[in-house]
Amino acid sequence: MERKYWIVILVLITIGMLCTSSISAKTPNKQAGKSNIGHLYLYEKDPVSWEIVDDGSWGKMRYELSGELFDFVFNAHNLTVGIEYTLIYYPDPWPGEGLICLGTGLVNDEGNLHIKEKIETGDLPKEFDDNYLAGAKIWCVLTSDVDCIEQKMTGWSPAEYLFEYDLILFDDTDEFEPELEPEEEVFESLEDEPLIPLESSVKEEKIKFENNFEHVTETLSEVLNRKLTMDFEKLPPGLVKLLSPFNMVR
């Protein structure tokens, strides 16, 4: 009896491990070990409960977590043959203004979709996204429901879409930073700025002072000489007092 008990336990454990293995085969893994590669699963979801549809359409995206471009490969399965799909980054709220079309593909005769691209996206998610602090949503939608030029959704057919299982982050390592053009030349350091030598500056000021002093002296002498021709008694008392120390009047 005891032996049968342990056999039942072992069988249950084995079944549990198999179930766990099959589930983990379709669970998201943002990073493969310590590499720069992430994985994201997308699923068909019930538009009422938003639960994943059993045996429904699904896809997997393999992407680089950081880089100069958003580099990814996306494969989806069990889709309607001949339908064109577009993989997008969708920022909330609706209609997802500012969304980015990552790539477009046509479902083949086996119901499979393949999209592979390297695209300039900048960091994901964007600051204007309601999910900015959480991560970016990646959807696979009908091409006819999205306007890639106006960057927004124009239709809503959720039963035909694949939605993200989890949110992702992408770091653009060379995101453009505009260079500001200064209105005038700006020197990076005092060493770069041309300076007038101090000695030269002092000499120039000295020359200016001597020229001015000489001009003032000549003007004063001319005035005094004119005054000397006048009768001393007729000079104003104040001027006599001013000129007396210089022996300019008598």
Protein backbone atom coordinates (compact mmCIF):
# COMPACT_ATOMS: atom_id res chain seq x y z
CA MET A 1 0.00 0.00 0.00
CA GLU A 2 2.77 2.38 0.94
CA ARG A 3 4.59 1.62 -2.34
CA LYS A 4 1.50 2.52 -4.40
CA TYR A 5 1.21 5.77 -2.44
CA TRP A 6 4.71 6.87 -3.40
CA ILE A 7 4.14 5.90 -7.04
CA VAL A 8 1.07 8.16 -7.18
CA ILE A 9 3.08 11.04 -5.68
CA LEU A 10 5.87 10.59 -8.24
CA VAL A 11 3.35 10.56 -11.08
CA LEU A 12 1.74 13.77 -9.84
CA ILE A 13 5.13 15.48 -9.51
CA THR A 14 6.08 14.43 -13.05
CA ILE A 15 2.81 15.77 -14.46
CA GLY A 16 3.33 19.05 -12.62
CA MET A 17 6.83 19.44 -14.03
CA LEU A 18 5.58 18.80 -17.57
CA CYS A 19 2.82 21.39 -17.19
CA THR A 20 5.27 23.93 -15.84
CA SER A 21 7.61 23.24 -18.76
CA SER A 22 4.87 23.76 -21.37
CA ILE A 23 3.73 27.01 -19.74
CA SER A 24 7.24 28.41 -19.45
CA ALA A 25 7.75 27.81 -23.16
CA LYS A 26 5.44 30.78 -23.81
CA THR A 27 6.28 33.14 -20.98
CA PRO A 28 8.15 36.43 -21.48
CA ASN A 29 11.81 36.67 -20.75
CA LYS A 30 13.01 40.26 -20.99
CA GLN A 31 16.66 39.35 -20.86
CA ALA A 32 18.52 36.21 -21.86
CA GLY A 33 21.06 35.81 -19.08
CA LYS A 34 23.44 38.76 -19.02
CA SER A 35 23.17 39.39 -22.76
CA ASN A 36 21.61 42.36 -24.52
CA ILE A 37 18.79 40.20 -25.91
CA GLY A 38 15.21 40.32 -24.68
CA HIS A 39 12.13 38.24 -25.53
CA LEU A 40 8.49 39.29 -25.56
CA TYR A 41 5.40 37.15 -26.24
CA LEU A 42 2.24 38.57 -27.80
CA TYR A 43 -1.15 36.84 -27.58
CA GLU A 44 -4.65 36.95 -28.93
CA LYS A 45 -6.83 38.16 -26.04
CA ASP A 46 -10.54 38.14 -25.29
CA PRO A 47 -11.59 41.81 -25.81
CA VAL A 48 -14.06 41.52 -22.91
CA SER A 49 -12.06 39.77 -20.19
CA TRP A 50 -8.62 40.47 -21.71
CA GLU A 51 -7.64 36.92 -20.89
CA ILE A 52 -5.36 35.06 -23.30
CA VAL A 53 -7.38 32.97 -25.77
CA ASP A 54 -6.53 29.27 -25.48
CA ASP A 55 -5.04 27.91 -28.73
CA GLY A 56 -5.38 31.37 -30.24
CA SER A 57 -2.92 33.33 -32.32
CA TRP A 58 0.40 34.25 -30.73
CA GLY A 59 3.80 35.64 -31.56
CA LYS A 60 7.29 36.13 -30.16
CA MET A 61 9.59 39.09 -30.54
CA ARG A 62 13.33 38.83 -30.01
CA TYR A 63 14.92 42.27 -29.60
CA GLU A 64 17.99 44.09 -28.35
CA LEU A 65 17.51 45.84 -25.03
CA SER A 66 19.77 48.73 -26.02
CA GLY A 67 21.51 49.99 -29.11
CA GLU A 68 21.65 52.70 -31.75
CA LEU A 69 18.54 51.21 -33.44
CA PHE A 70 15.63 49.10 -32.22
CA ASP A 71 16.76 45.76 -33.70
CA PHE A 72 14.16 42.97 -33.58
CA VAL A 73 12.75 39.82 -35.17
CA PHE A 74 9.05 39.00 -34.77
CA ASN A 75 7.30 35.75 -35.71
CA ALA A 76 3.56 35.13 -35.23
CA HIS A 77 1.40 32.04 -35.83
CA ASN A 78 -2.23 30.97 -36.36
CA LEU A 79 -3.17 34.21 -38.10
CA THR A 80 -5.60 34.63 -41.01
CA VAL A 81 -3.90 33.91 -44.32
CA GLY A 82 -3.30 36.91 -46.62
CA ILE A 83 -3.91 39.59 -43.98
CA GLU A 84 -1.34 42.39 -43.58
CA TYR A 85 -0.22 43.21 -40.04
CA THR A 86 1.88 45.99 -38.55
CA LEU A 87 3.90 45.68 -35.37
CA ILE A 88 3.68 48.91 -33.35
CA TYR A 89 4.81 50.61 -30.18
CA TYR A 90 1.53 51.84 -28.68
CA PRO A 91 1.55 54.71 -26.13
CA ASP A 92 -1.56 55.29 -24.02
CA PRO A 93 -4.07 56.89 -24.11
CA TRP A 94 -6.22 56.07 -27.15
CA PRO A 95 -5.77 56.59 -30.09
CA GLY A 96 -2.09 56.20 -29.28
CA GLU A 97 -0.88 59.48 -30.75
CA GLY A 98 2.86 59.31 -31.24
CA LEU A 99 2.87 55.54 -31.78
CA ILE A 100 5.68 54.06 -33.86
CA CYS A 101 5.22 51.54 -36.67
CA LEU A 102 8.05 49.07 -36.24
CA GLY A 103 7.43 46.94 -39.32
CA THR A 104 4.80 45.44 -41.60
CA GLY A 105 4.31 41.94 -43.01
CA LEU A 106 1.82 39.68 -44.82
CA VAL A 107 0.54 36.43 -43.30
CA ASN A 108 1.67 33.50 -45.46
CA ASP A 109 -0.23 30.37 -46.53
CA GLU A 110 0.63 28.61 -43.26
CA GLY A 111 -0.81 31.43 -41.16
CA ASN A 112 2.60 32.66 -40.10
CA LEU A 113 3.89 36.24 -40.03
CA HIS A 114 7.55 37.30 -40.11
CA ILE A 115 8.81 40.84 -39.53
CA LYS A 116 12.46 41.79 -39.10
CA GLU A 117 13.65 45.39 -38.88
CA LYS A 118 16.18 47.84 -37.45
CA ILE A 119 14.45 51.14 -36.82
CA GLU A 120 15.18 54.47 -35.15
CA THR A 121 12.77 54.80 -32.23
CA GLY A 122 14.62 56.65 -29.51
CA ASP A 123 14.08 55.45 -25.96
CA LEU A 124 10.97 53.36 -25.28
CA PRO A 125 8.59 54.19 -23.72
CA LYS A 126 8.23 57.89 -24.49
CA GLU A 127 7.75 60.53 -21.80
CA PHE A 128 4.25 61.38 -23.08
CA ASP A 129 3.16 57.74 -22.68
CA ASP A 130 0.84 57.08 -19.72
CA ASN A 131 2.92 53.94 -19.16
CA TYR A 132 6.22 55.86 -19.11
CA LEU A 133 7.18 54.66 -15.63
CA ALA A 134 6.14 51.05 -16.33
CA GLY A 135 7.25 50.24 -19.86
CA ALA A 136 6.26 50.20 -23.54
CA LYS A 137 3.34 48.30 -25.08
CA ILE A 138 4.04 46.35 -28.27
CA TRP A 139 1.01 45.35 -30.37
CA CYS A 140 0.54 43.52 -33.64
CA VAL A 141 -2.46 45.14 -35.35
CA LEU A 142 -4.18 45.15 -38.72
CA THR A 143 -2.32 47.49 -41.04
CA SER A 144 -5.65 48.94 -42.10
CA ASP A 145 -6.30 50.08 -38.51
CA VAL A 146 -3.17 52.20 -38.07
CA ASP A 147 -1.89 55.40 -39.68
CA CYS A 148 1.90 55.25 -39.57
CA ILE A 149 2.27 58.79 -40.96
CA GLU A 150 -0.08 60.50 -38.49
CA GLN A 151 1.20 58.04 -35.84
CA LYS A 152 -2.12 56.99 -34.35
CA MET A 153 -4.76 54.25 -34.47
CA THR A 154 -7.62 54.82 -36.89
CA GLY A 155 -9.58 51.60 -36.31
CA TRP A 156 -10.25 49.10 -33.54
CA SER A 157 -10.48 45.35 -34.20
CA PRO A 158 -9.11 43.85 -30.97
CA ALA A 159 -10.23 40.31 -31.77
CA GLU A 160 -7.76 40.37 -34.69
CA TYR A 161 -4.80 41.79 -32.74
CA LEU A 162 -1.96 40.34 -30.72
CA PHE A 163 -1.33 42.13 -27.42
CA GLU A 164 1.75 42.22 -25.22
CA TYR A 165 2.15 39.78 -22.35
CA ASP A 166 4.44 42.25 -20.62
CA LEU A 167 5.88 45.75 -21.04
CA ILE A 168 9.40 46.38 -22.32
CA LEU A 169 12.13 48.97 -22.04
CA PHE A 170 14.54 50.03 -24.77
CA ASP A 171 17.56 52.29 -24.32
CA ASP A 172 18.66 54.23 -27.40
CA THR A 173 22.41 54.62 -26.90
CA ASP A 174 22.85 57.43 -29.43
CA GLU A 175 19.63 59.39 -29.03
CA PHE A 176 20.04 62.71 -30.80
CA GLU A 177 20.86 65.77 -28.69
CA PRO A 178 20.61 69.03 -30.67
CA GLU A 179 23.60 71.34 -30.51
CA LEU A 180 22.78 74.90 -29.54
CA GLU A 181 24.26 77.59 -31.78
CA PRO A 182 25.48 80.50 -29.64
CA GLU A 183 24.54 84.01 -30.74
CA GLU A 184 28.15 85.08 -30.32
CA GLU A 185 31.47 83.36 -30.00
CA VAL A 186 31.88 81.63 -26.67
CA PHE A 187 35.32 80.64 -25.47
CA GLU A 188 35.65 77.35 -23.64
CA SER A 189 38.28 78.76 -21.27
CA LEU A 190 40.06 81.98 -20.45
CA GLU A 191 43.11 80.65 -22.26
CA ASP A 192 41.19 80.65 -25.55
CA GLU A 193 39.97 84.22 -25.25
CA PRO A 194 42.32 86.81 -26.87
CA LEU A 195 43.55 89.27 -24.26
CA ILE A 196 45.17 92.72 -24.75
CA PRO A 197 48.63 92.72 -23.09
CA LEU A 198 48.59 94.73 -19.89
CA GLU A 199 51.82 96.58 -20.73
CA SER A 200 50.46 97.70 -24.10
CA SER A 201 47.22 98.90 -22.52
CA VAL A 202 49.07 100.98 -19.91
CA LYS A 203 51.25 102.59 -22.58
CA GLU A 204 48.21 103.60 -24.62
CA GLU A 205 46.54 105.20 -21.60
CA LYS A 206 49.75 107.04 -20.72
CA ILE A 207 50.05 108.46 -24.24
CA LYS A 208 46.44 109.62 -24.15
CA PHE A 209 47.01 111.33 -20.78
CA GLU A 210 50.20 113.11 -21.95
CA ASN A 211 48.49 114.35 -25.11
CA ASN A 212 45.54 115.68 -23.16
CA PHE A 213 47.79 117.30 -20.54
CA GLU A 214 49.87 119.00 -23.23
CA HIS A 215 46.75 120.37 -24.88
CA VAL A 216 45.40 121.70 -21.59
CA THR A 217 48.74 123.32 -20.77
CA GLU A 218 48.93 125.07 -24.13
CA THR A 219 45.38 126.35 -23.76
CA LEU A 220 46.04 127.64 -20.25
CA SER A 221 49.26 129.36 -21.30
CA GLU A 222 47.48 131.10 -24.16
CA VAL A 223 44.83 132.41 -21.79
CA LEU A 224 47.41 133.57 -19.29
CA ASN A 225 49.47 135.37 -21.92
CA ARG A 226 46.39 137.25 -22.99
CA LYS A 227 45.68 138.23 -19.40
CA LEU A 228 49.26 139.46 -18.95
CA THR A 229 48.71 142.15 -21.56
CA MET A 230 45.96 143.57 -19.40
CA ASP A 231 46.51 146.08 -16.65
CA PHE A 232 47.09 144.25 -13.40
CA GLU A 233 44.68 146.54 -11.54
CA LYS A 234 41.94 145.71 -14.00
CA LEU A 235 42.17 141.95 -13.44
CA PRO A 236 39.47 140.37 -11.29
CA PRO A 237 40.65 139.89 -7.70
CA GLY A 238 40.00 136.16 -7.88
CA LEU A 239 42.16 135.74 -10.98
CA VAL A 240 44.94 137.84 -9.44
CA LYS A 241 44.94 135.59 -6.41
CA LEU A 242 44.99 132.47 -8.64
CA LEU A 243 47.86 133.70 -10.85
CA SER A 244 50.05 135.32 -8.24
CA PRO A 245 51.72 132.05 -7.06
CA PHE A 246 52.88 131.39 -10.64
CA ASN A 247 54.31 134.92 -11.11
CA MET A 248 52.13 135.30 -14.15
CA VAL A 249 50.93 138.81 -13.09
CA ARG A 250 52.73 141.80 -11.70
